[in-house]
Amino acid sequence: MELKLKKTIKEHTKSVWSLSIKKNEITGQPLLLASGSSDKQVKIHSLTSENFNLYETLDSTVHKKTISSVSWRPKTLNNQLILAASSFDTTTSIWGKEEEETDFELLALIEGHENEVKSCQWSHNGRYLATCSRDKSVWIWEADEFSEEFECVAVLQEHDQDIKNVSWHPEQLMLATSSYDDTVKIYIPYDDDWECVANLEGHKGTVWCSSFEGSDESSSTRLVTCSDDSTLLVWEMIKENVDEEEGQLWEIQAQLPDHGHSRQVYNCSWNVKNGLIASVGADGRLVIYKETGGRDSGEWSIVAEQNDAHSVYEINCVIWVDEKTLATGGDDGLIKIWSLN
């Protein structure tokens, strides 16, 4: 396989920290790409044309500090466009746009965290929004159908340090959180509450991000994690038990080839369609991995890689646009669109 640069988008003036794809709920076609940056801007680009034209810039006066994370809400009322954006100013903004309207409007500003909000993400059914913070807590918010009212249904405080990332399973209510305490924790709803059912210990440094594999009813649940220790680990849930006292049992199934990265791995993304994993990090490399043995073999290989993908700059985020296209964001303020041939 070969990576080819399709487009370089120059809209942000500082580091790009987060990317999110809005897809057509019926066809799955990618429609819009949202990005958040240290320049306090949220930019939205069209994915329906080869030029990736700027679709809209959200009101930059709402947040006072870095936009750390952006996330599109799925399954919205009347297919309304709803975007969440979290910030180092301790708040998360909710933006909405009706089809006939010309601009996104601020629908809500969520407050509660005592420190920088590092990540936000909507659940697969669009009902819940998870946020995490430097204050060592994860908040789960239940949203009304209009995305205007948010009720905090859980405050999770299982981590000992700063929480970097929240990641929902693509097809079930299961949340993974990554932290400076070198662990990943798994939460599920249980008896009208949310319980920590697993503590994943295996990395020897900050865990920056995690990404779930797409669901297959005949297969077990798996998760890939990336860390300050320059490694990526694939975890498999080998025992599921909703009993609060027993929880779930997860084991490391594989470590992805360790020559993929030489420094911190900041972000990883598991393609829910073709099973490929993409990773980026401080060494400026974009790496694509493929499972080469059977599902239980633990054998993975690097099938494509790009050195200096953002020149001399670190790469903070990567996301699959579709099965053959990726987007990356870096400290150079650029968004790059890559095709995988």
C-alpha atoms as a PDB file:
ATOM      1  CA  MET A   1       0.000   0.000   0.000  1.00  0.00           C
ATOM      2  CA  GLU A   2       1.071   3.587  -0.579  1.00  0.00           C
ATOM      3  CA  LEU A   3       0.102   6.875   1.050  1.00  0.00           C
ATOM      4  CA  LYS A   4      -0.393   9.842  -1.240  1.00  0.00           C
ATOM      5  CA  LEU A   5      -1.047  13.434  -0.191  1.00  0.00           C
ATOM      6  CA  LYS A   6      -4.322  14.612  -1.754  1.00  0.00           C
ATOM      7  CA  LYS A   7      -4.759  18.027  -0.165  1.00  0.00           C
ATOM      8  CA  THR A   8      -3.151  20.406   2.321  1.00  0.00           C
ATOM      9  CA  ILE A   9      -5.620  22.671   4.116  1.00  0.00           C
ATOM     10  CA  LYS A  10      -4.185  25.913   5.475  1.00  0.00           C
ATOM     11  CA  GLU A  11      -6.852  27.511   7.643  1.00  0.00           C
ATOM     12  CA  HIS A  12      -5.528  27.343  11.217  1.00  0.00           C
ATOM     13  CA  THR A  13      -2.681  29.535  12.471  1.00  0.00           C
ATOM     14  CA  LYS A  14      -1.627  27.261  15.361  1.00  0.00           C
ATOM     15  CA  SER A  15      -1.572  23.553  16.268  1.00  0.00           C
ATOM     16  CA  VAL A  16      -4.502  21.372  15.161  1.00  0.00           C
ATOM     17  CA  TRP A  17      -5.530  19.086  18.032  1.00  0.00           C
ATOM     18  CA  SER A  18      -8.680  17.314  16.944  1.00  0.00           C
ATOM     19  CA  LEU A  19     -10.625  16.200  13.868  1.00  0.00           C
ATOM     20  CA  SER A  20     -14.141  14.796  13.517  1.00  0.00           C
ATOM     21  CA  ILE A  21     -16.040  13.468  10.490  1.00  0.00           C
ATOM     22  CA  LYS A  22     -19.776  13.998   9.913  1.00  0.00           C
ATOM     23  CA  LYS A  23     -21.251  11.259   7.729  1.00  0.00           C
ATOM     24  CA  ASN A  24     -24.592  10.750   6.035  1.00  0.00           C
ATOM     25  CA  GLU A  25     -26.603   8.614   8.468  1.00  0.00           C
ATOM     26  CA  ILE A  26     -28.042   6.448   5.672  1.00  0.00           C
ATOM     27  CA  THR A  27     -25.279   6.098   3.079  1.00  0.00           C
ATOM     28  CA  GLY A  28     -22.255   6.622   5.316  1.00  0.00           C
ATOM     29  CA  GLN A  29     -20.835   9.157   2.870  1.00  0.00           C
ATOM     30  CA  PRO A  30     -18.432  11.641   4.534  1.00  0.00           C
ATOM     31  CA  LEU A  31     -19.939  15.125   4.451  1.00  0.00           C
ATOM     32  CA  LEU A  32     -17.999  17.497   6.719  1.00  0.00           C
ATOM     33  CA  LEU A  33     -14.663  17.654   8.535  1.00  0.00           C
ATOM     34  CA  ALA A  34     -14.466  19.681  11.759  1.00  0.00           C
ATOM     35  CA  SER A  35     -11.141  20.734  13.304  1.00  0.00           C
ATOM     36  CA  GLY A  36     -10.137  22.347  16.600  1.00  0.00           C
ATOM     37  CA  SER A  37      -6.952  24.318  17.190  1.00  0.00           C
ATOM     38  CA  SER A  38      -4.795  26.302  19.614  1.00  0.00           C
ATOM     39  CA  ASP A  39      -5.887  29.389  17.658  1.00  0.00           C
ATOM     40  CA  LYS A  40      -9.283  29.022  19.467  1.00  0.00           C
ATOM     41  CA  GLN A  41     -10.965  28.368  16.129  1.00  0.00           C
ATOM     42  CA  VAL A  42     -13.272  25.602  14.982  1.00  0.00           C
ATOM     43  CA  LYS A  43     -13.184  25.187  11.209  1.00  0.00           C
ATOM     44  CA  ILE A  44     -15.544  23.062   9.138  1.00  0.00           C
ATOM     45  CA  HIS A  45     -14.617  21.852   5.652  1.00  0.00           C
ATOM     46  CA  SER A  46     -16.696  20.141   2.996  1.00  0.00           C
ATOM     47  CA  LEU A  47     -15.787  16.562   2.115  1.00  0.00           C
ATOM     48  CA  THR A  48     -18.128  16.339  -0.855  1.00  0.00           C
ATOM     49  CA  SER A  49     -15.745  18.054  -3.270  1.00  0.00           C
ATOM     50  CA  GLU A  50     -12.137  17.424  -4.209  1.00  0.00           C
ATOM     51  CA  ASN A  51     -11.191  20.936  -3.080  1.00  0.00           C
ATOM     52  CA  PHE A  52     -12.282  20.381   0.537  1.00  0.00           C
ATOM     53  CA  ASN A  53     -13.633  23.934   0.624  1.00  0.00           C
ATOM     54  CA  LEU A  54     -14.070  25.840   3.877  1.00  0.00           C
ATOM     55  CA  TYR A  55     -17.708  25.391   4.860  1.00  0.00           C
ATOM     56  CA  GLU A  56     -17.819  27.576   7.972  1.00  0.00           C
ATOM     57  CA  THR A  57     -15.762  29.062  10.810  1.00  0.00           C
ATOM     58  CA  LEU A  58     -17.564  29.036  14.156  1.00  0.00           C
ATOM     59  CA  ASP A  59     -17.778  32.113  16.363  1.00  0.00           C
ATOM     60  CA  SER A  60     -14.277  32.436  17.837  1.00  0.00           C
ATOM     61  CA  THR A  61     -15.369  34.661  20.741  1.00  0.00           C
ATOM     62  CA  VAL A  62     -17.066  31.802  22.617  1.00  0.00           C
ATOM     63  CA  HIS A  63     -13.906  30.064  23.842  1.00  0.00           C
ATOM     64  CA  LYS A  64     -11.010  31.900  25.456  1.00  0.00           C
ATOM     65  CA  LYS A  65      -8.389  29.165  25.111  1.00  0.00           C
ATOM     66  CA  THR A  66      -7.331  26.221  22.915  1.00  0.00           C
ATOM     67  CA  ILE A  67     -10.008  24.054  21.297  1.00  0.00           C
ATOM     68  CA  SER A  68      -8.894  20.615  22.424  1.00  0.00           C
ATOM     69  CA  SER A  69     -11.529  18.388  20.857  1.00  0.00           C
ATOM     70  CA  VAL A  70     -14.444  18.373  18.399  1.00  0.00           C
ATOM     71  CA  SER A  71     -17.141  15.732  17.895  1.00  0.00           C
ATOM     72  CA  TRP A  72     -20.203  15.482  15.623  1.00  0.00           C
ATOM     73  CA  ARG A  73     -23.412  14.184  17.191  1.00  0.00           C
ATOM     74  CA  PRO A  74     -24.900  11.183  15.347  1.00  0.00           C
ATOM     75  CA  LYS A  75     -28.595  10.374  14.906  1.00  0.00           C
ATOM     76  CA  THR A  76     -29.841  13.932  15.390  1.00  0.00           C
ATOM     77  CA  LEU A  77     -33.401  15.214  15.150  1.00  0.00           C
ATOM     78  CA  ASN A  78     -34.299  15.881  11.497  1.00  0.00           C
ATOM     79  CA  ASN A  79     -30.640  15.238  10.574  1.00  0.00           C
ATOM     80  CA  GLN A  80     -29.647  18.540  12.147  1.00  0.00           C
ATOM     81  CA  LEU A  81     -25.910  19.251  12.201  1.00  0.00           C
ATOM     82  CA  ILE A  82     -24.732  19.240  15.841  1.00  0.00           C
ATOM     83  CA  LEU A  83     -21.100  19.705  16.886  1.00  0.00           C
ATOM     84  CA  ALA A  84     -19.500  19.657  20.335  1.00  0.00           C
ATOM     85  CA  ALA A  85     -16.230  21.526  20.947  1.00  0.00           C
ATOM     86  CA  SER A  86     -14.277  21.309  24.212  1.00  0.00           C
ATOM     87  CA  SER A  87     -11.728  23.848  25.383  1.00  0.00           C
ATOM     88  CA  PHE A  88      -8.930  24.479  27.838  1.00  0.00           C
ATOM     89  CA  ASP A  89     -11.180  27.236  29.237  1.00  0.00           C
ATOM     90  CA  THR A  90     -13.044  24.426  31.152  1.00  0.00           C
ATOM     91  CA  THR A  91     -16.188  24.545  28.985  1.00  0.00           C
ATOM     92  CA  THR A  92     -17.705  22.586  26.099  1.00  0.00           C
ATOM     93  CA  SER A  93     -19.799  24.359  23.489  1.00  0.00           C
ATOM     94  CA  ILE A  94     -22.643  22.820  21.482  1.00  0.00           C
ATOM     95  CA  TRP A  95     -23.336  24.163  17.992  1.00  0.00           C
ATOM     96  CA  GLY A  96     -26.305  23.488  15.760  1.00  0.00           C
ATOM     97  CA  LYS A  97     -27.381  24.213  12.216  1.00  0.00           C
ATOM     98  CA  GLU A  98     -30.717  23.557  10.546  1.00  0.00           C
ATOM     99  CA  GLU A  99     -30.638  22.755   6.854  1.00  0.00           C
ATOM    100  CA  GLU A 100     -32.246  26.040   5.862  1.00  0.00           C
ATOM    101  CA  GLU A 101     -30.075  28.161   8.131  1.00  0.00           C
ATOM    102  CA  THR A 102     -26.945  29.873   6.909  1.00  0.00           C
ATOM    103  CA  ASP A 103     -24.769  29.701  10.035  1.00  0.00           C
ATOM    104  CA  PHE A 104     -24.148  27.482  13.032  1.00  0.00           C
ATOM    105  CA  GLU A 105     -25.618  28.823  16.265  1.00  0.00           C
ATOM    106  CA  LEU A 106     -24.423  28.296  19.817  1.00  0.00           C
ATOM    107  CA  LEU A 107     -27.046  26.057  21.445  1.00  0.00           C
ATOM    108  CA  ALA A 108     -25.442  25.411  24.842  1.00  0.00           C
ATOM    109  CA  LEU A 109     -22.287  26.004  26.844  1.00  0.00           C
ATOM    110  CA  ILE A 110     -21.600  23.147  29.248  1.00  0.00           C
ATOM    111  CA  GLU A 111     -19.780  23.930  32.478  1.00  0.00           C
ATOM    112  CA  GLY A 112     -18.707  21.729  35.375  1.00  0.00           C
ATOM    113  CA  HIS A 113     -15.066  20.769  35.018  1.00  0.00           C
ATOM    114  CA  GLU A 114     -12.609  22.592  37.276  1.00  0.00           C
ATOM    115  CA  ASN A 115      -9.771  22.572  34.760  1.00  0.00           C
ATOM    116  CA  GLU A 116      -8.940  22.160  31.074  1.00  0.00           C
ATOM    117  CA  VAL A 117     -11.339  19.930  29.137  1.00  0.00           C
ATOM    118  CA  LYS A 118      -9.090  17.636  27.102  1.00  0.00           C
ATOM    119  CA  SER A 119     -11.574  15.613  25.061  1.00  0.00           C
ATOM    120  CA  CYS A 120     -15.257  15.242  24.196  1.00  0.00           C
ATOM    121  CA  GLN A 121     -17.088  12.569  22.229  1.00  0.00           C
ATOM    122  CA  TRP A 122     -20.682  11.577  21.505  1.00  0.00           C
ATOM    123  CA  SER A 123     -21.883   8.025  22.027  1.00  0.00           C
ATOM    124  CA  HIS A 124     -22.892   5.976  18.976  1.00  0.00           C
ATOM    125  CA  ASN A 125     -26.608   6.590  19.612  1.00  0.00           C
ATOM    126  CA  GLY A 126     -26.182  10.336  20.101  1.00  0.00           C
ATOM    127  CA  ARG A 127     -27.723  10.228  23.562  1.00  0.00           C
ATOM    128  CA  TYR A 128     -24.619  10.847  25.666  1.00  0.00           C
ATOM    129  CA  LEU A 129     -21.671  13.219  25.496  1.00  0.00           C
ATOM    130  CA  ALA A 130     -18.551  12.305  27.482  1.00  0.00           C
ATOM    131  CA  THR A 131     -15.987  14.925  28.519  1.00  0.00           C
ATOM    132  CA  CYS A 132     -12.713  14.522  30.399  1.00  0.00           C
ATOM    133  CA  SER A 133     -10.384  16.956  32.054  1.00  0.00           C
ATOM    134  CA  ARG A 134      -7.133  17.788  33.709  1.00  0.00           C
ATOM    135  CA  ASP A 135      -9.190  17.727  36.945  1.00  0.00           C
ATOM    136  CA  LYS A 136      -8.978  13.864  36.771  1.00  0.00           C
ATOM    137  CA  SER A 137     -12.697  13.446  36.136  1.00  0.00           C
ATOM    138  CA  VAL A 138     -14.917  12.180  33.337  1.00  0.00           C
ATOM    139  CA  TRP A 139     -18.433  13.590  33.046  1.00  0.00           C
ATOM    140  CA  ILE A 140     -21.217  11.881  31.115  1.00  0.00           C
ATOM    141  CA  TRP A 141     -23.959  14.209  29.924  1.00  0.00           C
ATOM    142  CA  GLU A 142     -27.381  13.172  28.653  1.00  0.00           C
ATOM    143  CA  ALA A 143     -28.619  15.487  25.914  1.00  0.00           C
ATOM    144  CA  ASP A 144     -32.172  16.307  24.904  1.00  0.00           C
ATOM    145  CA  GLU A 145     -33.139  15.793  21.270  1.00  0.00           C
ATOM    146  CA  PHE A 146     -32.653  19.492  20.503  1.00  0.00           C
ATOM    147  CA  SER A 147     -29.082  19.552  21.913  1.00  0.00           C
ATOM    148  CA  GLU A 148     -30.014  22.469  24.148  1.00  0.00           C
ATOM    149  CA  GLU A 149     -30.389  20.828  27.580  1.00  0.00           C
ATOM    150  CA  PHE A 150     -27.681  18.672  29.152  1.00  0.00           C
ATOM    151  CA  GLU A 151     -27.993  16.704  32.384  1.00  0.00           C
ATOM    152  CA  CYS A 152     -24.888  15.295  34.040  1.00  0.00           C
ATOM    153  CA  VAL A 153     -25.742  11.641  34.747  1.00  0.00           C
ATOM    154  CA  ALA A 154     -22.316  10.561  36.033  1.00  0.00           C
ATOM    155  CA  VAL A 155     -19.037  11.991  37.323  1.00  0.00           C
ATOM    156  CA  LEU A 156     -16.338   9.320  37.089  1.00  0.00           C
ATOM    157  CA  GLN A 157     -13.205   9.794  39.169  1.00  0.00           C
ATOM    158  CA  GLU A 158     -11.268   6.546  38.802  1.00  0.00           C
ATOM    159  CA  HIS A 159      -8.039   7.992  37.371  1.00  0.00           C
ATOM    160  CA  ASP A 160      -5.221   9.324  39.537  1.00  0.00           C
ATOM    161  CA  GLN A 161      -4.028  11.941  37.047  1.00  0.00           C
ATOM    162  CA  ASP A 162      -4.966  14.151  34.091  1.00  0.00           C
ATOM    163  CA  ILE A 163      -7.299  12.378  31.630  1.00  0.00           C
ATOM    164  CA  LYS A 164      -6.298  12.858  28.003  1.00  0.00           C
ATOM    165  CA  ASN A 165      -9.024  11.208  25.959  1.00  0.00           C
ATOM    166  CA  VAL A 166     -12.507   9.689  25.915  1.00  0.00           C
ATOM    167  CA  SER A 167     -13.508   7.164  23.271  1.00  0.00           C
ATOM    168  CA  TRP A 168     -16.900   5.486  22.771  1.00  0.00           C
ATOM    169  CA  HIS A 169     -17.407   2.108  21.171  1.00  0.00           C
ATOM    170  CA  PRO A 170     -18.915   2.613  17.669  1.00  0.00           C
ATOM    171  CA  GLU A 171     -21.929   0.364  18.286  1.00  0.00           C
ATOM    172  CA  GLN A 172     -22.513  -0.064  22.029  1.00  0.00           C
ATOM    173  CA  LEU A 173     -22.527   1.934  25.235  1.00  0.00           C
ATOM    174  CA  MET A 174     -18.953   1.346  26.318  1.00  0.00           C
ATOM    175  CA  LEU A 175     -16.529   4.169  27.129  1.00  0.00           C
ATOM    176  CA  ALA A 176     -12.723   4.062  27.303  1.00  0.00           C
ATOM    177  CA  THR A 177     -10.691   6.786  29.034  1.00  0.00           C
ATOM    178  CA  SER A 178      -6.934   7.354  28.702  1.00  0.00           C
ATOM    179  CA  SER A 179      -4.749   9.057  31.287  1.00  0.00           C
ATOM    180  CA  TYR A 180      -1.399  10.349  32.471  1.00  0.00           C
ATOM    181  CA  ASP A 181      -1.568   7.575  35.095  1.00  0.00           C
ATOM    182  CA  ASP A 182      -0.545   5.132  32.302  1.00  0.00           C
ATOM    183  CA  THR A 183      -3.899   3.311  32.322  1.00  0.00           C
ATOM    184  CA  VAL A 184      -7.076   2.975  30.297  1.00  0.00           C
ATOM    185  CA  LYS A 185     -10.363   2.436  32.101  1.00  0.00           C
ATOM    186  CA  ILE A 186     -13.556   0.951  30.672  1.00  0.00           C
ATOM    187  CA  TYR A 187     -17.048   2.060  31.753  1.00  0.00           C
ATOM    188  CA  ILE A 188     -20.520   0.730  30.987  1.00  0.00           C
ATOM    189  CA  PRO A 189     -24.015   1.674  32.260  1.00  0.00           C
ATOM    190  CA  TYR A 190     -25.062  -0.481  35.199  1.00  0.00           C
ATOM    191  CA  ASP A 191     -28.164  -0.183  37.405  1.00  0.00           C
ATOM    192  CA  ASP A 192     -28.967   3.435  36.407  1.00  0.00           C
ATOM    193  CA  ASP A 193     -25.355   4.427  36.938  1.00  0.00           C
ATOM    194  CA  TRP A 194     -22.004   4.109  35.164  1.00  0.00           C
ATOM    195  CA  GLU A 195     -19.434   1.684  36.508  1.00  0.00           C
ATOM    196  CA  CYS A 196     -15.733   1.189  35.868  1.00  0.00           C
ATOM    197  CA  VAL A 197     -15.564  -2.475  34.825  1.00  0.00           C
ATOM    198  CA  ALA A 198     -11.916  -2.750  33.734  1.00  0.00           C
ATOM    199  CA  ASN A 199      -8.540  -1.164  34.372  1.00  0.00           C
ATOM    200  CA  LEU A 200      -6.087  -1.739  31.508  1.00  0.00           C
ATOM    201  CA  GLU A 201      -2.469  -1.666  32.687  1.00  0.00           C
ATOM    202  CA  GLY A 202       0.295  -2.353  30.176  1.00  0.00           C
ATOM    203  CA  HIS A 203       1.787   0.908  28.981  1.00  0.00           C
ATOM    204  CA  LYS A 204       4.869   2.433  30.596  1.00  0.00           C
ATOM    205  CA  GLY A 205       3.889   6.040  30.037  1.00  0.00           C
ATOM    206  CA  THR A 206       0.932   8.371  29.485  1.00  0.00           C
ATOM    207  CA  VAL A 207      -1.822   6.805  27.404  1.00  0.00           C
ATOM    208  CA  TRP A 208      -2.823   9.480  24.909  1.00  0.00           C
ATOM    209  CA  CYS A 209      -5.668   7.865  23.036  1.00  0.00           C
ATOM    210  CA  SER A 210      -7.698   4.723  22.410  1.00  0.00           C
ATOM    211  CA  SER A 211      -9.894   3.519  19.569  1.00  0.00           C
ATOM    212  CA  PHE A 212     -12.363   0.615  19.434  1.00  0.00           C
ATOM    213  CA  GLU A 213     -12.616  -1.893  16.621  1.00  0.00           C
ATOM    214  CA  GLY A 214     -15.891  -2.010  14.708  1.00  0.00           C
ATOM    215  CA  SER A 215     -18.416  -4.522  16.035  1.00  0.00           C
ATOM    216  CA  ASP A 216     -18.915  -8.017  14.725  1.00  0.00           C
ATOM    217  CA  GLU A 217     -21.447 -10.106  16.617  1.00  0.00           C
ATOM    218  CA  SER A 218     -19.301 -13.206  16.163  1.00  0.00           C
ATOM    219  CA  SER A 219     -16.153 -11.560  17.468  1.00  0.00           C
ATOM    220  CA  SER A 220     -14.882 -10.273  20.787  1.00  0.00           C
ATOM    221  CA  THR A 221     -14.507  -6.596  21.656  1.00  0.00           C
ATOM    222  CA  ARG A 222     -11.073  -5.077  20.967  1.00  0.00           C
ATOM    223  CA  LEU A 223      -9.387  -1.748  21.604  1.00  0.00           C
ATOM    224  CA  VAL A 224      -6.124  -0.186  20.427  1.00  0.00           C
ATOM    225  CA  THR A 225      -4.227   2.230  22.697  1.00  0.00           C
ATOM    226  CA  CYS A 226      -1.204   4.472  22.115  1.00  0.00           C
ATOM    227  CA  SER A 227       1.253   5.926  24.574  1.00  0.00           C
ATOM    228  CA  ASP A 228       4.205   8.081  25.564  1.00  0.00           C
ATOM    229  CA  ASP A 229       6.211   4.841  25.602  1.00  0.00           C
ATOM    230  CA  SER A 230       6.100   4.881  21.748  1.00  0.00           C
ATOM    231  CA  THR A 231       3.998   1.702  21.561  1.00  0.00           C
ATOM    232  CA  LEU A 232       0.507   0.713  20.433  1.00  0.00           C
ATOM    233  CA  LEU A 233      -1.253  -2.171  22.161  1.00  0.00           C
ATOM    234  CA  VAL A 234      -4.273  -4.154  20.994  1.00  0.00           C
ATOM    235  CA  TRP A 235      -6.484  -5.312  23.876  1.00  0.00           C
ATOM    236  CA  GLU A 236      -9.180  -7.975  23.783  1.00  0.00           C
ATOM    237  CA  MET A 237     -12.045  -8.420  26.204  1.00  0.00           C
ATOM    238  CA  ILE A 238     -11.963 -12.115  27.045  1.00  0.00           C
ATOM    239  CA  LYS A 239     -14.587 -12.108  29.755  1.00  0.00           C
ATOM    240  CA  GLU A 240     -17.665  -9.925  29.978  1.00  0.00           C
ATOM    241  CA  ASN A 241     -19.523  -9.712  33.243  1.00  0.00           C
ATOM    242  CA  VAL A 242     -21.913  -6.937  34.201  1.00  0.00           C
ATOM    243  CA  ASP A 243     -21.514  -7.882  37.841  1.00  0.00           C
ATOM    244  CA  GLU A 244     -20.105  -4.743  39.451  1.00  0.00           C
ATOM    245  CA  GLU A 245     -17.720  -6.716  41.660  1.00  0.00           C
ATOM    246  CA  GLU A 246     -16.202  -8.882  38.917  1.00  0.00           C
ATOM    247  CA  GLY A 247     -16.218  -6.473  36.001  1.00  0.00           C
ATOM    248  CA  GLN A 248     -14.607  -7.381  32.679  1.00  0.00           C
ATOM    249  CA  LEU A 249     -11.332  -9.158  31.955  1.00  0.00           C
ATOM    250  CA  TRP A 250      -9.135  -7.677  29.214  1.00  0.00           C
ATOM    251  CA  GLU A 251      -5.774  -8.952  27.980  1.00  0.00           C
ATOM    252  CA  ILE A 252      -3.112  -7.582  25.654  1.00  0.00           C
ATOM    253  CA  GLN A 253      -3.552  -9.504  22.401  1.00  0.00           C
ATOM    254  CA  ALA A 254      -0.771  -7.823  20.442  1.00  0.00           C
ATOM    255  CA  GLN A 255       1.774  -5.044  20.354  1.00  0.00           C
ATOM    256  CA  LEU A 256       1.914  -3.379  16.964  1.00  0.00           C
ATOM    257  CA  PRO A 257       5.358  -3.409  15.283  1.00  0.00           C
ATOM    258  CA  ASP A 258       7.625  -1.339  17.517  1.00  0.00           C
ATOM    259  CA  HIS A 259       9.537   0.182  14.609  1.00  0.00           C
ATOM    260  CA  GLY A 260       6.414   2.144  13.709  1.00  0.00           C
ATOM    261  CA  HIS A 261       7.263   5.049  15.997  1.00  0.00           C
ATOM    262  CA  SER A 262      10.433   6.210  17.740  1.00  0.00           C
ATOM    263  CA  ARG A 263       8.788   8.751  20.036  1.00  0.00           C
ATOM    264  CA  GLN A 264       5.432   9.417  21.714  1.00  0.00           C
ATOM    265  CA  VAL A 265       2.355   8.148  19.851  1.00  0.00           C
ATOM    266  CA  TYR A 266      -0.331  10.794  20.283  1.00  0.00           C
ATOM    267  CA  ASN A 267      -3.292   9.436  18.360  1.00  0.00           C
ATOM    268  CA  CYS A 268      -4.642   6.236  16.832  1.00  0.00           C
ATOM    269  CA  SER A 269      -7.711   5.387  14.794  1.00  0.00           C
ATOM    270  CA  TRP A 270      -9.171   1.947  14.009  1.00  0.00           C
ATOM    271  CA  ASN A 271     -11.038   1.819  10.694  1.00  0.00           C
ATOM    272  CA  VAL A 272     -14.407   0.227  11.512  1.00  0.00           C
ATOM    273  CA  LYS A 273     -14.824  -1.057   7.919  1.00  0.00           C
ATOM    274  CA  ASN A 274     -11.516  -2.582   6.831  1.00  0.00           C
ATOM    275  CA  GLY A 275      -9.782  -3.140  10.178  1.00  0.00           C
ATOM    276  CA  LEU A 276      -6.711  -1.031   9.421  1.00  0.00           C
ATOM    277  CA  ILE A 277      -5.182   1.010  12.258  1.00  0.00           C
ATOM    278  CA  ALA A 278      -3.561   4.420  11.725  1.00  0.00           C
ATOM    279  CA  SER A 279      -1.236   6.170  14.179  1.00  0.00           C
ATOM    280  CA  VAL A 280       0.636   9.479  14.420  1.00  0.00           C
ATOM    281  CA  GLY A 281       2.948  11.087  16.930  1.00  0.00           C
ATOM    282  CA  ALA A 282       5.886  13.199  17.979  1.00  0.00           C
ATOM    283  CA  ASP A 283       8.218  11.688  15.363  1.00  0.00           C
ATOM    284  CA  GLY A 284       6.115  13.141  12.537  1.00  0.00           C
ATOM    285  CA  ARG A 285       5.260   9.717  11.099  1.00  0.00           C
ATOM    286  CA  LEU A 286       1.912   8.498   9.789  1.00  0.00           C
ATOM    287  CA  VAL A 287       1.794   4.705  10.026  1.00  0.00           C
ATOM    288  CA  ILE A 288      -0.834   2.201   8.808  1.00  0.00           C
ATOM    289  CA  TYR A 289      -1.052  -1.314  10.298  1.00  0.00           C
ATOM    290  CA  LYS A 290      -2.865  -4.418   9.064  1.00  0.00           C
ATOM    291  CA  GLU A 291      -3.640  -7.664  10.876  1.00  0.00           C
ATOM    292  CA  THR A 292      -1.741 -10.261   8.847  1.00  0.00           C
ATOM    293  CA  GLY A 293      -2.428 -13.474  10.740  1.00  0.00           C
ATOM    294  CA  GLY A 294      -5.768 -14.738  11.952  1.00  0.00           C
ATOM    295  CA  ARG A 295      -7.784 -12.697  14.394  1.00  0.00           C
ATOM    296  CA  ASP A 296      -6.221 -14.459  17.370  1.00  0.00           C
ATOM    297  CA  SER A 297      -2.686 -14.641  15.990  1.00  0.00           C
ATOM    298  CA  GLY A 298      -1.505 -11.305  17.365  1.00  0.00           C
ATOM    299  CA  GLU A 299       0.348 -10.723  14.097  1.00  0.00           C
ATOM    300  CA  TRP A 300       0.307  -7.223  12.620  1.00  0.00           C
ATOM    301  CA  SER A 301       2.480  -5.588   9.982  1.00  0.00           C
ATOM    302  CA  ILE A 302       3.082  -2.062   8.713  1.00  0.00           C
ATOM    303  CA  VAL A 303       1.539  -1.752   5.261  1.00  0.00           C
ATOM    304  CA  ALA A 304       2.113   1.971   4.657  1.00  0.00           C
ATOM    305  CA  GLU A 305       4.111   4.762   6.295  1.00  0.00           C
ATOM    306  CA  GLN A 306       4.929   8.391   5.684  1.00  0.00           C
ATOM    307  CA  ASN A 307       7.948  10.058   7.249  1.00  0.00           C
ATOM    308  CA  ASP A 308       7.816  13.800   7.961  1.00  0.00           C
ATOM    309  CA  ALA A 309       4.121  13.814   7.103  1.00  0.00           C
ATOM    310  CA  HIS A 310       3.919  17.378   8.454  1.00  0.00           C
ATOM    311  CA  SER A 311       7.537  18.314   7.676  1.00  0.00           C
ATOM    312  CA  VAL A 312       9.471  18.776  10.959  1.00  0.00           C
ATOM    313  CA  TYR A 313       6.312  19.177  13.045  1.00  0.00           C
ATOM    314  CA  GLU A 314       4.651  16.769  15.459  1.00  0.00           C
ATOM    315  CA  ILE A 315       1.308  15.249  14.415  1.00  0.00           C
ATOM    316  CA  ASN A 316      -1.464  15.407  17.007  1.00  0.00           C
ATOM    317  CA  CYS A 317      -4.430  13.653  15.418  1.00  0.00           C
ATOM    318  CA  VAL A 318      -5.455  11.205  12.711  1.00  0.00           C
ATOM    319  CA  ILE A 319      -8.902  10.090  11.582  1.00  0.00           C
ATOM    320  CA  TRP A 320     -10.278   7.840   8.865  1.00  0.00           C
ATOM    321  CA  VAL A 321     -12.486   9.724   6.406  1.00  0.00           C
ATOM    322  CA  ASP A 322     -13.473   6.483   4.682  1.00  0.00           C
ATOM    323  CA  GLU A 323     -11.802   3.141   3.932  1.00  0.00           C
ATOM    324  CA  LYS A 324      -9.119   4.668   1.711  1.00  0.00           C
ATOM    325  CA  THR A 325      -8.790   8.243   2.982  1.00  0.00           C
ATOM    326  CA  LEU A 326      -7.323   9.745   6.160  1.00  0.00           C
ATOM    327  CA  ALA A 327      -6.924  13.219   7.632  1.00  0.00           C
ATOM    328  CA  THR A 328      -4.123  14.367   9.947  1.00  0.00           C
ATOM    329  CA  GLY A 329      -3.584  17.555  11.973  1.00  0.00           C
ATOM    330  CA  GLY A 330      -0.246  18.874  13.202  1.00  0.00           C
ATOM    331  CA  ASP A 331       1.663  21.519  15.102  1.00  0.00           C
ATOM    332  CA  ASP A 332       2.168  23.342  11.780  1.00  0.00           C
ATOM    333  CA  GLY A 333      -1.518  24.306  11.847  1.00  0.00           C
ATOM    334  CA  LEU A 334      -2.168  22.217   8.752  1.00  0.00           C
ATOM    335  CA  ILE A 335      -4.764  19.569   7.994  1.00  0.00           C
ATOM    336  CA  LYS A 336      -3.602  17.041   5.444  1.00  0.00           C
ATOM    337  CA  ILE A 337      -5.793  14.637   3.490  1.00  0.00           C
ATOM    338  CA  TRP A 338      -4.156  11.347   2.488  1.00  0.00           C
ATOM    339  CA  SER A 339      -5.270   8.602   0.120  1.00  0.00           C
ATOM    340  CA  LEU A 340      -4.269   4.992   0.690  1.00  0.00           C
ATOM    341  CA  ASN A 341      -3.738   3.126  -2.558  1.00  0.00           C
END
